Protein backbone atom coordinates (compact mmCIF):
# COMPACT_ATOMS: atom_id res chain seq x y z
CA MET A 1 54.40 9.05 74.89
CA ASN A 2 56.04 11.74 72.85
CA ALA A 3 55.93 15.07 74.62
CA LEU A 4 57.06 18.34 73.00
CA LEU A 5 57.86 21.14 75.40
CA ILE A 6 57.77 24.56 73.80
CA TYR A 7 59.26 27.79 75.23
CA PRO A 8 57.69 30.56 73.10
CA ALA A 9 59.63 33.49 71.56
CA ILE A 10 60.25 36.51 73.86
CA PRO A 11 59.59 39.83 72.04
CA ASP A 12 62.38 42.42 71.72
CA THR A 13 62.62 43.70 75.30
CA PHE A 14 65.07 45.13 77.68
CA TRP A 15 66.05 41.64 78.85
CA ASN A 16 66.25 39.58 75.74
CA PHE A 17 69.43 41.27 74.48
CA LYS A 18 68.69 40.19 70.93
CA HIS A 19 70.77 42.92 69.41
CA ILE A 20 74.09 41.96 71.04
CA MET A 21 73.99 38.14 70.40
CA LYS A 22 75.87 38.80 67.16
CA PHE A 23 78.74 40.17 69.26
CA ILE A 24 79.28 36.85 70.92
CA ARG A 25 77.89 34.39 68.15
CA LYS A 26 75.04 33.16 70.31
CA LYS A 27 71.27 32.77 69.62
CA ALA A 28 69.76 33.67 72.97
CA ALA A 29 70.79 35.20 76.34
CA HIS A 30 69.13 32.82 78.66
CA VAL A 31 67.88 29.24 78.82
CA PRO A 32 64.32 28.10 79.46
CA LEU A 33 65.15 26.92 82.97
CA GLY A 34 61.47 26.41 84.00
CA LEU A 35 60.81 23.93 81.30
CA LEU A 36 64.15 22.21 81.59
CA THR A 37 63.30 21.67 85.40
CA VAL A 38 59.65 20.51 84.45
CA ALA A 39 61.23 18.00 82.01
CA SER A 40 63.18 16.39 84.92
CA MET A 41 59.71 15.44 86.55
CA PHE A 42 58.44 13.21 83.72
CA PRO A 43 58.40 9.48 83.93
CA SER A 44 61.62 7.99 82.46
CA ASP A 45 59.68 6.16 79.69
CA TRP A 46 58.44 9.33 78.05
CA ASN A 47 60.24 10.64 74.98
CA LEU A 48 60.89 14.31 75.45
CA ARG A 49 61.96 17.12 73.04
CA LEU A 50 62.38 20.68 74.19
CA LEU A 51 61.96 23.48 71.60
CA ASP A 52 63.09 26.91 72.45
CA GLU A 53 61.60 29.26 69.91
CA ASN A 54 64.27 31.85 70.78
CA VAL A 55 66.88 29.72 69.13
CA GLU A 56 64.88 27.62 66.58
CA SER A 57 61.51 27.80 64.88
CA VAL A 58 58.42 25.80 65.85
CA SER A 59 57.86 23.53 62.71
CA ASP A 60 54.87 21.50 61.84
CA GLU A 61 57.16 18.47 61.77
CA ALA A 62 58.00 19.02 65.34
CA ILE A 63 54.44 19.39 66.40
CA GLN A 64 53.35 16.36 64.46
CA TRP A 65 56.00 14.24 66.13
CA ALA A 66 54.30 14.88 69.49
CA ASP A 67 51.46 13.08 71.14
CA ILE A 68 51.05 16.04 73.34
CA VAL A 69 52.47 19.63 73.65
CA PHE A 70 53.38 21.48 76.74
CA ILE A 71 53.80 25.19 76.62
CA GLY A 72 55.45 27.18 79.46
CA ALA A 73 55.42 30.88 79.31
CA MET A 74 55.51 34.27 81.09
CA ILE A 75 53.10 37.06 80.48
CA VAL A 76 55.44 38.85 77.97
CA GLN A 77 55.25 35.86 75.72
CA LYS A 78 51.56 35.70 75.31
CA GLY A 79 51.56 36.83 71.74
CA SER A 80 53.87 33.98 70.73
CA VAL A 81 51.76 31.53 72.73
CA ARG A 82 48.68 32.36 70.76
CA ARG A 83 50.54 31.66 67.59
CA ILE A 84 51.80 28.38 68.86
CA VAL A 85 48.46 27.27 70.25
CA ALA A 86 46.85 27.99 66.87
CA ALA A 87 49.48 25.88 65.11
CA CYS A 88 48.90 22.96 67.46
CA ARG A 89 45.19 23.07 67.19
CA ALA A 90 45.42 23.21 63.38
CA LEU A 91 47.41 19.84 63.62
CA GLY A 92 45.01 18.37 66.15
CA LYS A 93 47.52 18.13 69.05
CA PRO A 94 46.38 18.37 72.64
CA ILE A 95 47.87 21.38 74.47
CA VAL A 96 48.92 21.67 78.12
CA GLY A 97 49.62 25.27 79.41
CA GLY A 98 51.73 26.06 82.48
CA GLY A 99 54.02 28.82 84.09
CA PRO A 100 53.37 32.39 85.06
CA LEU A 101 51.13 33.32 82.14
CA PHE A 102 48.58 30.52 82.52
CA THR A 103 48.68 30.66 86.29
CA SER A 104 48.01 34.31 86.36
CA CYS A 105 45.45 34.44 83.51
CA PRO A 106 43.70 31.09 83.32
CA GLU A 107 40.54 32.70 82.20
CA ASP A 108 42.25 33.70 78.90
CA SER A 109 43.14 30.06 77.89
CA ASP A 110 39.91 28.66 76.51
CA ASP A 111 41.78 27.29 73.48
CA VAL A 112 44.18 25.23 75.72
CA ASP A 113 43.04 21.75 76.49
CA TYR A 114 44.72 21.43 79.99
CA LEU A 115 46.07 23.92 82.55
CA VAL A 116 48.75 22.70 84.94
CA LEU A 117 49.05 25.67 87.17
CA ASN A 118 51.17 26.92 90.16
CA GLU A 119 54.32 25.03 90.90
CA ALA A 120 54.82 21.86 88.81
CA GLU A 121 56.29 19.69 91.57
CA ILE A 122 52.68 19.52 92.97
CA THR A 123 50.44 19.67 89.86
CA LEU A 124 52.39 18.05 87.09
CA PRO A 125 52.48 14.45 88.69
CA LEU A 126 48.83 14.58 89.35
CA PHE A 127 48.05 15.49 85.66
CA LEU A 128 50.46 12.97 84.18
CA LYS A 129 48.94 10.30 86.37
CA ASP A 130 45.36 11.05 85.32
CA LEU A 131 46.52 11.43 81.66
CA ILE A 132 48.05 7.95 81.62
CA ALA A 133 44.84 6.50 83.24
CA GLY A 134 42.71 8.28 80.60
CA ASN A 135 40.71 10.65 82.75
CA PRO A 136 42.63 13.89 82.96
CA ARG A 137 40.71 16.97 84.44
CA ARG A 138 41.11 20.26 82.52
CA VAL A 139 42.65 22.31 85.45
CA TYR A 140 45.10 21.41 88.05
CA THR A 141 45.84 23.91 90.69
CA THR A 142 47.07 24.05 94.31
CA GLU A 143 47.79 26.43 97.15
CA GLU A 144 50.52 24.01 98.39
CA LYS A 145 54.08 25.23 98.26
CA PRO A 146 56.54 22.40 97.40
CA ASP A 147 59.76 21.60 99.18
CA ILE A 148 62.21 22.52 96.40
CA SER A 149 65.04 20.73 98.10
CA LEU A 150 63.42 17.73 96.42
CA THR A 151 63.29 19.20 93.03
CA PRO A 152 65.46 17.24 90.57
CA PRO A 153 68.24 18.91 88.55
CA PRO A 154 67.18 20.40 85.13
CA ARG A 155 67.43 18.28 82.05
CA TRP A 156 70.35 20.13 80.35
CA ASP A 157 70.74 17.38 77.79
CA LEU A 158 67.66 18.63 76.11
CA ILE A 159 69.28 21.86 74.81
CA ASP A 160 72.27 22.79 72.90
CA MET A 161 74.40 24.93 75.43
CA LYS A 162 76.56 26.41 72.79
CA LEU A 163 73.52 28.50 71.49
CA TYR A 164 73.13 30.32 74.76
CA ALA A 165 75.13 33.29 76.39
CA SER A 166 74.34 32.16 79.90
CA MET A 167 73.10 29.11 81.81
CA SER A 168 70.81 29.42 84.75
CA VAL A 169 70.06 27.90 88.23
CA GLN A 170 67.53 28.45 90.90
CA TYR A 171 68.45 28.49 94.62
CA SER A 172 65.13 29.83 96.19
CA ARG A 173 61.51 30.67 95.50
CA GLY A 174 59.50 33.38 97.30
CA CYS A 175 60.29 36.77 98.62
CA PRO A 176 59.72 38.14 102.24
CA TYR A 177 58.48 41.46 100.84
CA ASP A 178 55.08 42.15 99.34
CA CYS A 179 55.60 45.06 97.06
CA GLU A 180 52.19 46.15 95.68
CA PHE A 181 52.92 45.89 91.96
CA CYS A 182 54.88 42.56 92.27
CA ASP A 183 53.34 39.12 91.45
CA ILE A 184 56.07 37.13 93.10
CA VAL A 185 54.26 36.63 96.40
CA ASN A 186 51.08 35.64 94.47
CA LEU A 187 53.14 33.00 92.46
CA ASN A 188 55.74 31.78 94.98
CA GLY A 189 54.72 33.05 98.42
CA ARG A 190 56.35 35.21 101.06
CA HIS A 191 58.29 32.50 102.73
CA PRO A 192 61.61 31.87 100.78
CA ARG A 193 62.15 28.19 100.24
CA VAL A 194 65.76 27.18 99.46
CA LYS A 195 67.47 24.18 98.02
CA SER A 196 70.10 22.41 100.07
CA ASN A 197 73.83 23.28 99.80
CA GLU A 198 74.55 19.74 98.55
CA GLN A 199 71.78 20.00 95.93
CA MET A 200 73.15 23.33 94.50
CA ILE A 201 76.69 22.02 94.39
CA ARG A 202 75.42 19.06 92.50
CA GLU A 203 73.73 21.34 89.92
CA PHE A 204 76.95 23.33 89.63
CA GLU A 205 78.89 20.02 89.15
CA ILE A 206 76.49 18.90 86.39
CA LEU A 207 76.99 22.17 84.43
CA TYR A 208 80.80 21.90 84.92
CA ASP A 209 80.99 18.35 83.90
CA MET A 210 79.00 19.12 80.71
CA GLY A 211 81.63 21.66 79.76
CA TRP A 212 79.91 24.94 80.61
CA ARG A 213 82.21 27.87 81.46
CA GLY A 214 81.15 31.55 81.81
CA SER A 215 78.05 33.30 82.83
CA LEU A 216 75.55 31.64 85.24
CA PHE A 217 72.38 33.42 86.30
CA VAL A 218 70.88 32.54 89.73
CA VAL A 219 67.29 33.27 88.72
CA ASP A 220 65.90 33.90 92.25
CA ASP A 221 63.58 36.98 92.54
CA ASN A 222 65.31 37.74 95.78
CA PHE A 223 68.51 35.69 96.25
CA ILE A 224 69.05 37.09 99.83
CA GLY A 225 65.38 36.55 101.00
CA ASN A 226 66.80 34.03 103.61
CA LYS A 227 70.05 35.56 104.67
CA SER A 228 71.22 32.85 106.97
CA LYS A 229 70.65 30.11 104.54
CA VAL A 230 72.23 32.03 101.55
CA LYS A 231 75.37 32.68 103.69
CA SER A 232 75.66 29.08 104.52
CA PHE A 233 75.44 28.21 100.80
CA LEU A 234 78.00 30.82 99.84
CA ARG A 235 80.49 29.54 102.20
CA VAL A 236 80.15 26.16 100.52
CA LEU A 237 80.18 27.65 97.00
CA GLU A 238 83.35 29.81 97.29
CA PRO A 239 85.74 26.89 97.82
CA TRP A 240 84.04 24.84 95.11
CA GLN A 241 84.53 27.80 92.58
CA LYS A 242 88.13 28.31 93.93
CA ALA A 243 89.05 24.51 93.38
CA LYS A 244 87.69 24.65 89.79
CA ASP A 245 89.43 28.04 89.15
CA PHE A 246 86.19 29.95 89.13
CA PRO A 247 84.55 28.53 86.01
CA PHE A 248 81.32 30.53 86.55
CA VAL A 249 80.67 34.20 86.75
CA LEU A 250 77.52 34.59 88.76
CA TYR A 251 74.74 37.30 88.73
CA THR A 252 71.36 37.39 90.42
CA GLU A 253 68.44 39.60 91.81
CA ALA A 254 68.28 40.80 95.38
CA SER A 255 66.66 43.49 97.52
CA VAL A 256 68.50 46.67 98.23
CA ASN A 257 69.12 45.87 101.91
CA LEU A 258 72.04 43.81 100.52
CA ALA A 259 73.98 47.05 100.91
CA GLN A 260 73.55 46.90 104.74
CA ASP A 261 75.12 43.50 105.10
CA GLU A 262 78.87 43.73 104.43
CA GLU A 263 79.49 40.11 105.24
CA LEU A 264 76.98 39.03 102.65
CA MET A 265 78.36 41.37 99.93
CA LYS A 266 81.90 39.82 100.61
CA LEU A 267 80.57 36.30 100.68
CA MET A 268 78.86 36.89 97.30
CA THR A 269 81.93 38.42 95.52
CA ALA A 270 84.25 35.71 97.05
CA ALA A 271 81.91 33.04 95.59
CA GLY A 272 82.08 34.63 92.01
CA PHE A 273 79.16 37.11 91.83
CA ASP A 274 80.11 40.20 89.97
CA SER A 275 76.56 41.80 89.30
CA VAL A 276 73.23 42.03 90.95
CA PHE A 277 69.72 43.49 89.86
CA LEU A 278 67.93 45.48 92.55
CA GLY A 279 64.47 46.99 92.47
CA LEU A 280 65.35 50.56 93.24
CA GLU A 281 62.05 52.00 91.68
CA THR A 282 61.97 55.63 92.57
CA PRO A 283 63.67 58.54 94.55
CA GLU A 284 60.21 59.68 95.81
CA GLU A 285 59.69 58.57 99.32
CA ALA A 286 55.83 58.86 99.02
CA CYS A 287 55.77 56.46 96.09
CA LEU A 288 57.96 53.89 98.06
CA ALA A 289 55.35 54.08 100.84
CA GLU A 290 52.47 53.82 98.35
CA CYS A 291 53.74 50.62 96.86
CA GLY A 292 54.81 49.06 100.16
CA LYS A 293 58.61 49.04 99.30
CA HIS A 294 59.44 49.73 102.94
CA GLN A 295 62.97 48.05 102.54
CA ASN A 296 63.95 50.92 100.33
CA ARG A 297 62.99 53.61 102.73
CA SER A 298 65.64 52.74 105.39
CA MET A 299 68.67 54.01 103.42
CA ASP A 300 70.09 56.49 100.96
CA LEU A 301 69.54 54.52 97.74
CA VAL A 302 72.27 56.15 95.69
CA GLU A 303 74.85 55.45 98.50
CA ALA A 304 73.45 51.90 98.75
CA VAL A 305 74.17 51.36 95.09
CA LYS A 306 77.68 52.68 95.42
CA THR A 307 78.36 50.61 98.49
CA ILE A 308 77.58 47.48 96.57
CA GLN A 309 79.70 48.80 93.66
CA ARG A 310 82.66 49.33 95.93
CA ASN A 311 82.24 45.70 97.17
CA GLY A 312 82.83 44.37 93.71
CA MET A 313 79.37 44.06 92.09
CA GLU A 314 77.76 45.89 89.30
CA VAL A 315 74.24 47.03 90.10
CA MET A 316 71.50 46.76 87.48
CA GLY A 317 68.42 48.65 88.65
CA GLY A 318 64.71 48.59 88.03
CA PHE A 319 63.02 52.06 88.07
CA ILE A 320 59.27 52.89 87.72
CA ILE A 321 57.31 56.00 86.66
CA GLY A 322 53.54 56.15 87.03
CA PHE A 323 52.84 55.97 90.70
CA ASP A 324 49.78 57.87 92.08
CA ASN A 325 52.32 59.94 94.16
CA ASP A 326 54.67 60.82 91.43
CA PRO A 327 55.35 64.62 91.46
CA PRO A 328 55.28 66.56 88.32
CA ASN A 329 59.07 66.61 88.13
CA ILE A 330 59.53 62.80 88.64
CA PHE A 331 60.88 62.55 85.07
CA GLU A 332 63.72 64.82 85.90
CA ARG A 333 64.33 63.26 89.31
CA GLN A 334 64.54 59.73 87.90
CA ILE A 335 67.21 60.94 85.44
CA GLU A 336 69.19 62.50 88.16
CA PHE A 337 68.73 59.50 90.40
CA ILE A 338 69.97 57.13 87.69
CA GLN A 339 72.92 59.28 86.49
CA ASN A 340 74.05 59.92 90.07
CA SER A 341 73.97 56.27 91.08
CA GLY A 342 75.91 55.06 88.11
CA VAL A 343 73.47 52.31 87.39
CA VAL A 344 74.38 51.75 83.76
CA ARG A 345 71.81 49.10 82.88
CA ALA A 346 68.77 50.95 84.15
CA MET A 347 65.44 49.28 83.34
CA ILE A 348 62.97 52.16 83.71
CA GLY A 349 59.47 51.34 82.89
CA LEU A 350 55.92 52.66 83.33
CA LEU A 351 53.93 51.12 86.18
CA ASN A 352 51.78 48.26 85.30
CA ALA A 353 49.39 46.03 87.47
CA PRO A 354 49.88 42.30 86.66
CA PRO A 355 47.04 39.95 87.46
CA GLY A 356 47.09 38.64 91.03
CA THR A 357 48.98 41.62 92.56
CA ARG A 358 47.57 43.91 95.24
CA LEU A 359 47.93 46.72 92.84
CA TYR A 360 45.60 44.88 90.38
CA ARG A 361 43.03 44.33 92.98
CA ARG A 362 43.14 47.92 94.26
CA LEU A 363 42.87 49.47 90.74
CA LYS A 364 40.09 47.08 89.87
CA GLU A 365 38.16 48.19 92.91
CA GLU A 366 38.75 51.88 91.93
CA GLY A 367 37.59 51.20 88.31
CA ARG A 368 40.85 52.24 86.75
CA LEU A 369 41.97 48.94 85.01
CA LEU A 370 41.97 49.28 81.16
CA GLU A 371 43.47 46.15 79.67
CA ASP A 372 45.67 43.23 80.18
CA CYS A 373 49.28 43.83 81.19
CA SER A 374 51.80 43.32 78.38
CA GLY A 375 54.42 41.98 80.67
CA ASP A 376 57.06 44.16 78.95
CA ASN A 377 58.75 46.52 81.43
CA CYS A 378 59.70 49.07 78.84
CA ASP A 379 57.14 49.15 76.02
CA GLY A 380 55.54 52.38 77.18
CA SER A 381 52.21 50.63 78.00
CA MET A 382 50.08 51.06 81.10
CA ASN A 383 47.04 48.78 81.82
CA PHE A 384 45.41 51.49 84.07
CA VAL A 385 44.48 55.17 84.21
CA PRO A 386 47.28 57.03 86.00
CA LYS A 387 46.68 60.16 88.13
CA MET A 388 48.87 62.23 85.69
CA ASP A 389 47.72 62.88 82.18
CA PRO A 390 48.31 59.50 80.39
CA GLN A 391 49.51 61.23 77.18
CA LEU A 392 51.98 63.33 79.10
CA VAL A 393 53.23 60.36 81.05
CA ARG A 394 54.00 58.39 77.86
CA LYS A 395 55.57 61.49 76.13
CA ARG A 396 57.83 62.32 78.97
CA TYR A 397 58.72 58.67 79.73
CA ASN A 398 59.82 58.37 76.06
CA GLU A 399 62.01 61.39 76.49
CA VAL A 400 63.54 59.91 79.71
CA LEU A 401 64.46 56.71 77.81
CA HIS A 402 66.10 58.54 74.90
CA TYR A 403 68.01 60.66 77.37
CA LEU A 404 69.29 57.95 79.48
CA TYR A 405 70.38 55.73 76.56
CA SER A 406 71.74 58.52 74.33
CA PRO A 407 75.48 57.67 73.84
CA LYS A 408 76.85 60.72 75.75
CA GLU A 409 74.61 60.03 78.89
CA TYR A 410 75.02 56.32 78.80
CA TYR A 411 78.77 56.45 78.52
CA THR A 412 78.90 59.05 81.28
CA ARG A 413 77.16 56.47 83.51
CA VAL A 414 79.67 53.74 82.56
CA LEU A 415 82.57 55.92 83.47
CA ALA A 416 80.87 56.91 86.75
CA PHE A 417 80.44 53.17 87.47
CA LEU A 418 84.12 52.52 86.68
CA LYS A 419 85.34 55.13 89.04
CA THR A 420 83.37 53.54 91.93
CA TYR A 421 83.56 49.89 91.16
CA ARG A 422 86.23 47.70 92.95
CA PRO A 423 86.61 44.37 91.15
CA VAL A 424 87.56 41.63 93.57
CA ARG A 425 89.52 39.59 90.96
CA ARG A 426 90.95 39.74 87.56
CA ARG A 427 88.98 37.75 84.95
CA ARG A 428 91.02 35.54 82.68
CA ILE A 429 90.96 36.23 78.97
CA THR A 430 88.53 33.70 77.23
CA SER A 431 88.04 33.07 73.55
CA LEU A 432 84.34 34.33 73.96
CA GLY A 433 85.64 37.52 75.62
CA THR A 434 88.17 38.06 72.81
CA ILE A 435 85.46 37.69 70.17
CA ALA A 436 83.18 40.16 71.96
CA PHE A 437 85.92 42.66 72.23
CA LEU A 438 86.93 42.43 68.63
CA ASN A 439 83.32 42.74 67.58
CA SER A 440 82.77 45.71 69.82
CA ILE A 441 85.59 47.40 67.91
CA LEU A 442 83.90 46.45 64.57
CA TYR A 443 80.29 47.37 65.34
CA LEU A 444 80.91 50.23 67.87
CA GLY A 445 84.18 51.76 66.84
CA VAL A 446 84.04 51.34 63.08
CA LEU A 447 80.60 50.49 61.61
CA ASP A 448 78.43 52.43 64.00
CA LYS A 449 75.93 54.46 61.84
CA TRP A 450 74.85 56.82 64.57
CA ASN A 451 78.07 58.77 64.88
CA ASN A 452 78.68 57.31 68.31
CA LYS A 453 82.24 56.11 67.52
CA ILE A 454 83.90 58.95 69.33
CA TYR A 455 82.25 57.98 72.64
CA TYR A 456 83.34 54.38 72.26
CA TRP A 457 87.01 55.28 71.60
CA LYS A 458 87.11 57.83 74.31
CA LEU A 459 85.74 55.43 77.04
CA LEU A 460 87.93 52.51 75.64
CA LEU A 461 91.05 54.72 76.07
CA LYS A 462 89.97 55.98 79.63
CA ALA A 463 89.25 52.33 80.71
CA LEU A 464 92.75 51.29 79.36
CA VAL A 465 94.58 54.00 81.14
CA PHE A 466 92.65 54.54 84.34
CA HIS A 467 90.48 51.34 84.90
CA ARG A 468 92.58 48.51 83.37
CA ARG A 469 91.24 45.94 85.99
CA SER A 470 87.81 46.75 84.93
CA MET A 471 88.33 46.55 81.17
CA ARG A 472 86.05 43.56 80.84
CA GLU A 473 83.13 45.39 82.49
CA ALA A 474 83.78 48.53 80.36
CA VAL A 475 83.50 46.59 77.12
CA THR A 476 80.66 44.57 78.28
CA LEU A 477 78.61 47.67 79.19
CA MET A 478 79.44 49.31 75.94
CA ILE A 479 78.14 46.25 74.12
CA PHE A 480 74.91 46.36 76.18
CA GLY A 481 74.56 50.05 75.24
CA TYR A 482 74.12 48.94 71.55
CA HIS A 483 71.29 46.77 72.45
CA TYR A 484 69.50 49.51 74.39
CA ARG A 485 69.92 52.08 71.66
CA LYS A 486 68.70 49.66 69.05
CA LEU A 487 65.76 48.70 71.29
CA PHE A 488 64.59 52.24 72.13
CA ARG A 489 65.22 53.70 68.76
CA GLU A 490 63.00 51.04 67.18
């Protein structure tokens, strides 16, 4: 059979980095790792084609080629999903839906023929077996969590790597913490399951042999969920990276207690990690207690960020406004929190309640749910009635965004970060890096239409004089600032 696997377009968000792809001549920031992994689970006699709508359009010709269409998506992609489903139905093609969107909201998918939910290692083989036998059920779901040490490597051959800014791998699934607003436990469980060291090195070898060099995203929701296992893996990864002259620059997501484990930080930077995303959320202790973010209550969060920066990793941070216990001055306190910590790439959003979360269930019981969650962290939407006046929340939130990403305040954070950051090793000059630097001069230093050129040249000069070892990071962050200004102005 011919199967078309479609990854729908992601709207313009904090994470898609659409506005900076021109700096590096790429089409998309990240690969559709979920579908690439699903593709590896099909029988060998199937003909597969993967279409990532973030790098190419979904054409009628591509849909007509397929005997069946598989769509894998997150909640934020639901608008694109509706459009793709309509096109497939118009051409009479059966549709299979899977991934977080369909698993979290199966009741919204009446126009999809089959739902293959939860983790594909369990449900996809069952569906394919029944499909081939001619008696497929409409819904396949399971509470069982697969052993991901048996998961085959992604089908990298189905995409053109040159179109992407970064490749991705997955080491673990699940998180030991159960924050009220987070759907990870609902989707992947509280017991982190990990791949074997040999399995991970094999995936790294495949990417290396295919010619990939540069950024590699370890997509785990909490990379350090099982510290003993991850330390074992890092001790194997570091010599592999060293033997290959560090072909990959790694980044991931973790919990803030990383800052309390000096050995783990050193192992990560030795293995090639240079940045990590943390859910910092809020400086208000009562809000951390409200959402069950107890791991954040055991330390000074600003000092935790600076500890990680001093150990050679940039900290990207997630922040939230809209908790029931937010004080009236939370807007000013979040600004102070972010500026003092030197978290340059600060994803600050309004609280939402994704389906399946404890927050969703609580708000539903309280009669405060309003509408579906958009899945976009920074679009200013809330799918429930907050304790504060909703219009005031949105107004003040918008003011926070524009303050944090105004050139002066953004570049102030970059400089604060450079003063704290201690890079572990010098990065070699690459052709991609050179292109990005030259384009930063063109777009930020010459053509900028918002009169921000002075901030660019000032920071570039200071980085050259005082932070030469961190020039790569300085230029990278200035380029990211362009994306955020474009996003929030529009």
